[in-house]
């Protein structure tokens, strides 16, 4: 590891409080350098063999260094009575390939369903997708990923459509630069049921040489289809690890947040406080709210598994206290945020200048987080979606300059 690069990332912790506040509010304050070889291209096998960097005191990242563990050590790091809150969203095969009716290959990334079988999507190349443009998609073969229909590949033949699927561009979406696409599908069939035939699971753009199978980009508890990206902090769990946690009376509850494109888009404004988050659909069910209340009443801690779980829980608590909620949230969490529900966090290492980096900074402080990232870089941790993890324990929470 290039120690000069690591040292260059470190910020001056002796700056006055006013300067620290300015950097907290500036997107430039959330920048850091990362060698390309530290961007994980494949997940750890087994899942819980990934590394785990632990923040366990208010001085971690300032006077003291983080503690290094393996993810399967998690049961020993938590307390009996703690509650893990997990995102059970499932990534859909949201990337489609096809061509326009006039020729020309195209690529589509579905973002969200606006009306029945009418989806907001990003399209490439985008300039030629005007209102009324017709797009034709062909079914792909299961084994090879090439295009063409083989009914024998699909267990439920009732889901197999005709060899082609078509969509028409209705309009341009100003907020995302995407297009609203109306899909022509068999009557009574939602498009999401056909995506196993026509689509593929999209990996983030920084994963370019992966050999991972689709299921390796799903959590073992993925249940509710609708995301275009995985809640990656949950990728480290195995069924065996979940059982070990339950055996120690460390229980699990679930929320749903369908991860959208806003997760990967950098904050493009200089003043962080003016950033507008892209809305994402969440559901915090009554059963989970009751588990959280019971846990807190018994003295347990709420440990969110991933920033998506944080957004869902805190988003559902914006009406003073936590309530069951189903709808969209555009909650943006950055330093200065007043926490309502979450006590601790399991999270991966995030992109520079991202809203996710700002969210974690709100829990432990921007400068501390950058120092901890430098520690991870120096020790060769793997970053981003398929990378290693960090555990911020409740005793490690607190903003220190």
Foldseek 3Di string as FASTA:
>chain_A
DPVVLLVVLADDPPDDPVVQVLLLQFLVVQDGDADLVLADQEFDVPLQQFKAWEQFALCDLPPDDTDIDTNLCVLVVFAALAEEEEAQEWAFLQWFWWAWPVGDIKIWGFFAAPDQQKTWIAMPPQPPQAFFIKTKFFWADDPPRHGDDDCVRDPDSVLDFPRIKMWGFHHADPVPRTTTIRIDGPPPDGVSSNCVGGGGQDDDPSNDDHPDDSCLQEAPNHDHYAASHYLQLRSSDDPVSQVVNVVNNHYYHYKHKHHGPQQPDFQDDGGNVPGWADKIWIWDDPVNVVSQVVSVVVVYFYEYRHPRSVCRQQQCQPVPAHDTDTGIDRDQAAAPDDDHRHQWYKYFADHGRGSRLRNVCNFSHSSSSSSNVSVCSVVSWRGDRSTHMYIYHNNSTDHDD
